[in-house]
Amino acid sequence: MTSFVSHTTIDCHHAYELSEWWKGLLGYVDVEDDPNEPGHEECTIVDPGTGHSILFLEVPDAELPAKRIHFDLRPREGSRDEEVERVRALGGREVADHRGEWGPGTGWVVFEDPEGNQFCILRSPAEIDAGSAG
């Protein structure tokens, strides 16, 4: 079992404005059927050629953390919870567990690699397709 990079996340104070800036720089576009709007706290842009996406996520911190960019990973096979156990076995250090915060089957787990770089383990595509909330 392995994971893949679902998207790159950038913590920020103004998600819409920053997503618009990067969209212009990179030639990315809004997600089809989910356009970004002023005031949105989460804004995603997508490379129309490769499908790579960047999520701009507003955080309430007055000062943004030094590690503002991180990977969000999805299991290729199996479940989020199985991947969480695999990451632990590989030596990943759990930082925060947000599973179930928005109801059964929701959330993610934040880890650090051996040098302190953070990444999140999200639900697998199969779990999303199965229709669990969150």
N, C-alpha and C. Protein backbone atom coordinates (compact mmCIF):
# COMPACT_ATOMS: atom_id res chain seq x y z
N MET A 1 0.85 -1.18 0.00
CA MET A 1 0.00 0.00 0.00
C MET A 1 0.89 1.24 0.00
N THR A 2 0.53 2.21 -0.80
CA THR A 2 1.21 3.50 -0.82
C THR A 2 0.17 4.60 -0.91
N SER A 3 0.61 5.84 -0.80
CA SER A 3 -0.28 6.99 -0.94
C SER A 3 0.13 7.80 -2.16
N PHE A 4 -0.75 8.71 -2.57
CA PHE A 4 -0.41 9.66 -3.63
C PHE A 4 -0.75 11.07 -3.14
N VAL A 5 -0.08 12.06 -3.72
CA VAL A 5 -0.33 13.44 -3.34
C VAL A 5 -1.67 13.86 -3.96
N SER A 6 -2.64 14.09 -3.11
CA SER A 6 -3.96 14.53 -3.57
C SER A 6 -3.89 15.97 -4.03
N HIS A 7 -3.25 16.81 -3.22
CA HIS A 7 -3.08 18.22 -3.56
C HIS A 7 -2.05 18.82 -2.62
N THR A 8 -1.58 19.98 -2.98
CA THR A 8 -0.66 20.75 -2.14
C THR A 8 -1.48 21.81 -1.44
N THR A 9 -1.28 21.97 -0.13
CA THR A 9 -2.05 22.93 0.65
C THR A 9 -1.16 24.07 1.10
N ILE A 10 -1.68 25.29 0.98
CA ILE A 10 -0.97 26.48 1.43
C ILE A 10 -1.84 27.18 2.47
N ASP A 11 -1.33 27.26 3.71
CA ASP A 11 -2.02 28.00 4.76
C ASP A 11 -1.85 29.49 4.49
N CYS A 12 -2.93 30.26 4.66
CA CYS A 12 -2.87 31.68 4.34
C CYS A 12 -3.93 32.45 5.12
N HIS A 13 -3.94 33.77 4.95
CA HIS A 13 -4.94 34.61 5.58
C HIS A 13 -6.08 34.98 4.64
N HIS A 14 -5.84 34.99 3.33
CA HIS A 14 -6.84 35.42 2.36
C HIS A 14 -6.85 34.43 1.18
N ALA A 15 -7.62 33.35 1.35
CA ALA A 15 -7.61 32.25 0.39
C ALA A 15 -7.99 32.70 -1.02
N TYR A 16 -9.06 33.47 -1.16
CA TYR A 16 -9.51 33.87 -2.49
C TYR A 16 -8.47 34.72 -3.20
N GLU A 17 -7.99 35.75 -2.53
CA GLU A 17 -7.03 36.65 -3.15
C GLU A 17 -5.75 35.92 -3.54
N LEU A 18 -5.27 35.04 -2.66
CA LEU A 18 -4.03 34.32 -2.95
C LEU A 18 -4.23 33.32 -4.09
N SER A 19 -5.39 32.65 -4.10
CA SER A 19 -5.66 31.69 -5.19
C SER A 19 -5.73 32.41 -6.53
N GLU A 20 -6.31 33.61 -6.55
CA GLU A 20 -6.39 34.37 -7.79
C GLU A 20 -4.99 34.77 -8.28
N TRP A 21 -4.12 35.15 -7.35
CA TRP A 21 -2.76 35.52 -7.72
C TRP A 21 -2.02 34.34 -8.33
N TRP A 22 -2.09 33.18 -7.65
CA TRP A 22 -1.39 32.00 -8.17
C TRP A 22 -2.02 31.49 -9.46
N LYS A 23 -3.33 31.63 -9.60
CA LYS A 23 -4.01 31.23 -10.83
C LYS A 23 -3.43 32.00 -12.00
N GLY A 24 -3.25 33.30 -11.83
CA GLY A 24 -2.66 34.12 -12.89
C GLY A 24 -1.23 33.76 -13.18
N LEU A 25 -0.46 33.46 -12.15
CA LEU A 25 0.95 33.12 -12.32
C LEU A 25 1.13 31.78 -13.02
N LEU A 26 0.36 30.77 -12.61
CA LEU A 26 0.56 29.41 -13.08
C LEU A 26 -0.32 29.00 -14.26
N GLY A 27 -1.36 29.76 -14.54
CA GLY A 27 -2.30 29.36 -15.59
C GLY A 27 -3.25 28.28 -15.12
N TYR A 28 -3.40 28.13 -13.81
CA TYR A 28 -4.36 27.17 -13.25
C TYR A 28 -5.76 27.76 -13.37
N VAL A 29 -6.78 26.94 -13.15
CA VAL A 29 -8.18 27.37 -13.25
C VAL A 29 -8.93 26.92 -12.00
N ASP A 30 -10.14 27.48 -11.81
CA ASP A 30 -10.99 27.02 -10.72
C ASP A 30 -11.44 25.59 -10.99
N VAL A 31 -11.84 24.91 -9.94
CA VAL A 31 -12.41 23.57 -10.08
C VAL A 31 -13.75 23.71 -10.79
N GLU A 32 -13.95 22.89 -11.81
CA GLU A 32 -15.21 22.94 -12.55
C GLU A 32 -16.37 22.70 -11.59
N ASP A 33 -17.42 23.47 -11.69
CA ASP A 33 -18.62 23.39 -10.84
C ASP A 33 -18.38 23.81 -9.39
N ASP A 34 -17.21 24.37 -9.08
CA ASP A 34 -16.94 24.86 -7.72
C ASP A 34 -16.03 26.08 -7.79
N PRO A 35 -16.52 27.17 -8.39
CA PRO A 35 -15.66 28.35 -8.55
C PRO A 35 -15.33 29.00 -7.20
N ASN A 36 -14.15 29.57 -7.13
CA ASN A 36 -13.74 30.31 -5.94
C ASN A 36 -14.45 31.65 -5.94
N GLU A 37 -14.81 32.12 -4.74
CA GLU A 37 -15.52 33.39 -4.60
C GLU A 37 -14.88 34.20 -3.47
N PRO A 38 -14.95 35.53 -3.54
CA PRO A 38 -14.45 36.33 -2.43
C PRO A 38 -15.11 35.88 -1.12
N GLY A 39 -14.31 35.77 -0.08
CA GLY A 39 -14.83 35.35 1.22
C GLY A 39 -14.74 33.86 1.48
N HIS A 40 -14.49 33.06 0.45
CA HIS A 40 -14.31 31.63 0.67
C HIS A 40 -13.07 31.39 1.53
N GLU A 41 -13.18 30.50 2.50
CA GLU A 41 -12.06 30.17 3.38
C GLU A 41 -11.18 29.07 2.80
N GLU A 42 -11.69 28.34 1.82
CA GLU A 42 -10.93 27.30 1.13
C GLU A 42 -11.12 27.52 -0.37
N CYS A 43 -10.02 27.69 -1.09
CA CYS A 43 -10.08 27.89 -2.54
C CYS A 43 -9.09 26.95 -3.21
N THR A 44 -9.57 26.19 -4.17
CA THR A 44 -8.73 25.25 -4.90
C THR A 44 -8.60 25.70 -6.34
N ILE A 45 -7.36 25.61 -6.86
CA ILE A 45 -7.11 25.84 -8.28
C ILE A 45 -6.45 24.60 -8.85
N VAL A 46 -6.63 24.38 -10.15
CA VAL A 46 -6.19 23.14 -10.80
C VAL A 46 -5.43 23.46 -12.08
N ASP A 47 -4.36 22.70 -12.32
CA ASP A 47 -3.64 22.79 -13.58
C ASP A 47 -4.47 22.06 -14.63
N PRO A 48 -4.95 22.76 -15.67
CA PRO A 48 -5.80 22.09 -16.66
C PRO A 48 -5.08 21.01 -17.45
N GLY A 49 -3.76 21.03 -17.46
CA GLY A 49 -3.02 20.01 -18.20
C GLY A 49 -2.71 18.75 -17.39
N THR A 50 -2.29 18.93 -16.15
CA THR A 50 -1.86 17.78 -15.34
C THR A 50 -2.89 17.35 -14.31
N GLY A 51 -3.80 18.26 -13.94
CA GLY A 51 -4.77 17.95 -12.89
C GLY A 51 -4.26 18.23 -11.49
N HIS A 52 -2.97 18.65 -11.36
CA HIS A 52 -2.45 18.97 -10.03
C HIS A 52 -3.29 20.10 -9.43
N SER A 53 -3.58 20.00 -8.14
CA SER A 53 -4.36 21.06 -7.51
C SER A 53 -3.64 21.63 -6.31
N ILE A 54 -3.94 22.90 -6.05
CA ILE A 54 -3.42 23.61 -4.89
C ILE A 54 -4.61 24.13 -4.11
N LEU A 55 -4.64 23.82 -2.81
CA LEU A 55 -5.68 24.28 -1.92
C LEU A 55 -5.14 25.42 -1.07
N PHE A 56 -5.80 26.57 -1.11
CA PHE A 56 -5.45 27.70 -0.27
C PHE A 56 -6.43 27.67 0.90
N LEU A 57 -5.91 27.54 2.11
CA LEU A 57 -6.71 27.32 3.29
C LEU A 57 -6.46 28.42 4.31
N GLU A 58 -7.52 29.17 4.63
CA GLU A 58 -7.37 30.24 5.62
C GLU A 58 -7.20 29.65 7.01
N VAL A 59 -6.20 30.17 7.74
CA VAL A 59 -5.96 29.75 9.11
C VAL A 59 -6.11 30.98 10.01
N PRO A 60 -6.58 30.79 11.23
CA PRO A 60 -6.87 31.93 12.10
C PRO A 60 -5.64 32.53 12.79
N ASP A 61 -4.49 31.89 12.67
CA ASP A 61 -3.30 32.36 13.37
C ASP A 61 -2.93 33.77 12.93
N ALA A 62 -2.64 34.64 13.90
CA ALA A 62 -2.20 36.00 13.57
C ALA A 62 -0.92 35.96 12.74
N GLU A 63 -0.01 35.09 13.14
CA GLU A 63 1.22 34.88 12.38
C GLU A 63 1.16 33.51 11.76
N LEU A 64 1.45 33.43 10.49
CA LEU A 64 1.40 32.14 9.81
C LEU A 64 2.59 31.30 10.23
N PRO A 65 2.39 29.99 10.31
CA PRO A 65 3.51 29.12 10.71
C PRO A 65 4.60 29.10 9.65
N ALA A 66 5.80 28.75 10.08
CA ALA A 66 6.93 28.68 9.15
C ALA A 66 6.69 27.61 8.09
N LYS A 67 6.01 26.54 8.46
CA LYS A 67 5.74 25.44 7.54
C LYS A 67 4.33 25.60 6.99
N ARG A 68 4.21 26.46 6.00
CA ARG A 68 2.90 26.83 5.47
C ARG A 68 2.43 25.95 4.33
N ILE A 69 3.32 25.20 3.73
CA ILE A 69 2.97 24.36 2.59
C ILE A 69 3.16 22.91 2.99
N HIS A 70 2.15 22.08 2.71
CA HIS A 70 2.26 20.66 3.04
C HIS A 70 1.48 19.82 2.04
N PHE A 71 1.83 18.55 1.98
CA PHE A 71 1.13 17.60 1.12
C PHE A 71 -0.08 17.04 1.86
N ASP A 72 -1.18 16.85 1.13
CA ASP A 72 -2.31 16.07 1.60
C ASP A 72 -2.27 14.77 0.80
N LEU A 73 -2.19 13.65 1.50
CA LEU A 73 -2.03 12.35 0.86
C LEU A 73 -3.29 11.51 0.97
N ARG A 74 -3.59 10.74 -0.09
CA ARG A 74 -4.70 9.79 -0.09
C ARG A 74 -4.14 8.39 -0.35
N PRO A 75 -4.63 7.39 0.39
CA PRO A 75 -4.19 6.01 0.12
C PRO A 75 -4.60 5.57 -1.28
N ARG A 76 -3.69 4.90 -1.96
CA ARG A 76 -4.02 4.33 -3.28
C ARG A 76 -4.96 3.14 -3.10
N GLU A 77 -4.73 2.37 -2.04
CA GLU A 77 -5.54 1.19 -1.72
C GLU A 77 -5.86 1.24 -0.24
N GLY A 78 -6.88 0.51 0.17
CA GLY A 78 -7.21 0.46 1.59
C GLY A 78 -7.84 1.75 2.07
N SER A 79 -7.81 1.93 3.37
CA SER A 79 -8.50 3.06 3.99
C SER A 79 -7.53 4.07 4.58
N ARG A 80 -8.08 5.21 4.92
CA ARG A 80 -7.30 6.23 5.62
C ARG A 80 -6.71 5.65 6.90
N ASP A 81 -7.52 4.94 7.67
CA ASP A 81 -7.06 4.43 8.96
C ASP A 81 -5.95 3.40 8.79
N GLU A 82 -6.02 2.58 7.74
CA GLU A 82 -4.93 1.63 7.47
C GLU A 82 -3.65 2.37 7.10
N GLU A 83 -3.80 3.45 6.32
CA GLU A 83 -2.63 4.23 5.93
C GLU A 83 -2.03 4.94 7.13
N VAL A 84 -2.87 5.40 8.05
CA VAL A 84 -2.37 6.03 9.28
C VAL A 84 -1.49 5.04 10.04
N GLU A 85 -1.93 3.81 10.15
CA GLU A 85 -1.13 2.79 10.86
C GLU A 85 0.18 2.51 10.12
N ARG A 86 0.14 2.48 8.79
CA ARG A 86 1.35 2.25 8.01
C ARG A 86 2.34 3.40 8.20
N VAL A 87 1.85 4.64 8.21
CA VAL A 87 2.73 5.80 8.41
C VAL A 87 3.36 5.75 9.80
N ARG A 88 2.58 5.38 10.80
CA ARG A 88 3.13 5.22 12.16
C ARG A 88 4.26 4.19 12.16
N ALA A 89 4.02 3.06 11.48
CA ALA A 89 5.02 1.98 11.44
C ALA A 89 6.29 2.42 10.73
N LEU A 90 6.16 3.35 9.79
CA LEU A 90 7.33 3.87 9.08
C LEU A 90 8.08 4.93 9.89
N GLY A 91 7.54 5.30 11.05
CA GLY A 91 8.20 6.28 11.90
C GLY A 91 7.64 7.67 11.82
N GLY A 92 6.51 7.85 11.14
CA GLY A 92 5.88 9.17 11.11
C GLY A 92 5.38 9.52 12.50
N ARG A 93 5.55 10.77 12.89
CA ARG A 93 5.11 11.22 14.21
C ARG A 93 3.77 11.93 14.08
N GLU A 94 2.77 11.42 14.78
CA GLU A 94 1.44 12.02 14.73
C GLU A 94 1.43 13.35 15.47
N VAL A 95 0.88 14.37 14.80
CA VAL A 95 0.80 15.72 15.35
C VAL A 95 -0.62 16.02 15.82
N ALA A 96 -1.61 15.64 15.03
CA ALA A 96 -3.01 15.92 15.36
C ALA A 96 -3.92 14.91 14.67
N ASP A 97 -4.97 14.51 15.35
CA ASP A 97 -5.94 13.57 14.81
C ASP A 97 -7.29 14.27 14.73
N HIS A 98 -7.76 14.49 13.51
CA HIS A 98 -9.03 15.19 13.28
C HIS A 98 -10.10 14.25 12.75
N ARG A 99 -9.90 12.95 12.92
CA ARG A 99 -10.90 11.99 12.45
C ARG A 99 -12.18 12.12 13.27
N GLY A 100 -13.31 12.09 12.57
CA GLY A 100 -14.61 12.09 13.23
C GLY A 100 -15.08 13.44 13.74
N GLU A 101 -14.32 14.49 13.55
CA GLU A 101 -14.72 15.81 14.08
C GLU A 101 -15.99 16.34 13.42
N TRP A 102 -16.29 15.93 12.23
CA TRP A 102 -17.47 16.40 11.51
C TRP A 102 -18.45 15.26 11.24
N GLY A 103 -18.39 14.23 12.07
CA GLY A 103 -19.26 13.08 11.94
C GLY A 103 -18.47 11.83 11.58
N PRO A 104 -19.13 10.68 11.61
CA PRO A 104 -18.45 9.41 11.31
C PRO A 104 -17.81 9.41 9.93
N GLY A 105 -16.59 8.93 9.84
CA GLY A 105 -15.90 8.80 8.57
C GLY A 105 -15.23 10.06 8.07
N THR A 106 -15.31 11.15 8.82
CA THR A 106 -14.74 12.42 8.36
C THR A 106 -13.33 12.62 8.89
N GLY A 107 -12.68 13.66 8.41
CA GLY A 107 -11.43 14.11 8.99
C GLY A 107 -10.17 13.52 8.39
N TRP A 108 -9.06 13.84 9.04
CA TRP A 108 -7.73 13.47 8.58
C TRP A 108 -6.80 13.40 9.78
N VAL A 109 -5.58 12.93 9.54
CA VAL A 109 -4.55 12.87 10.58
C VAL A 109 -3.32 13.60 10.08
N VAL A 110 -2.75 14.46 10.93
CA VAL A 110 -1.56 15.23 10.59
C VAL A 110 -0.33 14.51 11.16
N PHE A 111 0.70 14.34 10.32
CA PHE A 111 1.95 13.71 10.72
C PHE A 111 3.12 14.62 10.41
N GLU A 112 4.27 14.29 10.99
CA GLU A 112 5.55 14.90 10.64
C GLU A 112 6.47 13.81 10.15
N ASP A 113 7.27 14.12 9.13
CA ASP A 113 8.32 13.21 8.69
C ASP A 113 9.51 13.34 9.64
N PRO A 114 10.58 12.57 9.45
CA PRO A 114 11.71 12.62 10.38
C PRO A 114 12.36 13.98 10.55
N GLU A 115 12.17 14.92 9.59
CA GLU A 115 12.75 16.26 9.72
C GLU A 115 11.72 17.30 10.15
N GLY A 116 10.52 16.87 10.50
CA GLY A 116 9.51 17.79 11.00
C GLY A 116 8.59 18.39 9.95
N ASN A 117 8.69 17.94 8.70
CA ASN A 117 7.79 18.42 7.64
C ASN A 117 6.43 17.77 7.82
N GLN A 118 5.38 18.58 7.85
CA GLN A 118 4.05 18.05 8.10
C GLN A 118 3.36 17.62 6.81
N PHE A 119 2.48 16.61 6.94
CA PHE A 119 1.63 16.14 5.86
C PHE A 119 0.39 15.54 6.48
N CYS A 120 -0.69 15.46 5.70
CA CYS A 120 -1.95 14.93 6.20
C CYS A 120 -2.33 13.66 5.46
N ILE A 121 -2.94 12.71 6.18
CA ILE A 121 -3.50 11.52 5.57
C ILE A 121 -5.01 11.70 5.51
N LEU A 122 -5.55 11.72 4.29
CA LEU A 122 -6.98 11.91 4.04
C LEU A 122 -7.65 10.58 3.76
N ARG A 123 -8.95 10.61 3.58
CA ARG A 123 -9.68 9.40 3.19
C ARG A 123 -9.29 9.00 1.77
N SER A 124 -9.40 7.71 1.49
CA SER A 124 -9.07 7.19 0.16
C SER A 124 -10.16 7.56 -0.84
N PRO A 125 -9.84 7.50 -2.14
CA PRO A 125 -10.89 7.74 -3.14
C PRO A 125 -12.07 6.78 -2.97
N ALA A 126 -11.79 5.53 -2.61
CA ALA A 126 -12.88 4.56 -2.42
C ALA A 126 -13.77 4.97 -1.26
N GLU A 127 -13.19 5.50 -0.19
CA GLU A 127 -13.99 5.96 0.94
C GLU A 127 -14.85 7.15 0.54
N ILE A 128 -14.30 8.04 -0.27
CA ILE A 128 -15.07 9.20 -0.75
C ILE A 128 -16.20 8.73 -1.65
N ASP A 129 -15.88 7.81 -2.58
CA ASP A 129 -16.90 7.29 -3.50
C ASP A 129 -18.01 6.56 -2.77
N ALA A 130 -17.67 5.95 -1.61
CA ALA A 130 -18.68 5.22 -0.83
C ALA A 130 -19.67 6.17 -0.17
N GLY A 131 -19.35 7.47 -0.22
CA GLY A 131 -20.30 8.47 0.24
C GLY A 131 -20.22 8.83 1.70
N SER A 132 -19.14 8.44 2.39
CA SER A 132 -19.04 8.88 3.78
C SER A 132 -18.82 10.37 3.80
N ALA A 133 -19.41 11.04 4.76
CA ALA A 133 -19.40 12.51 4.85
C ALA A 133 -18.01 13.02 5.19
N GLY A 134 -17.77 14.30 4.86
CA GLY A 134 -16.57 15.00 5.31
C GLY A 134 -15.50 15.16 4.34
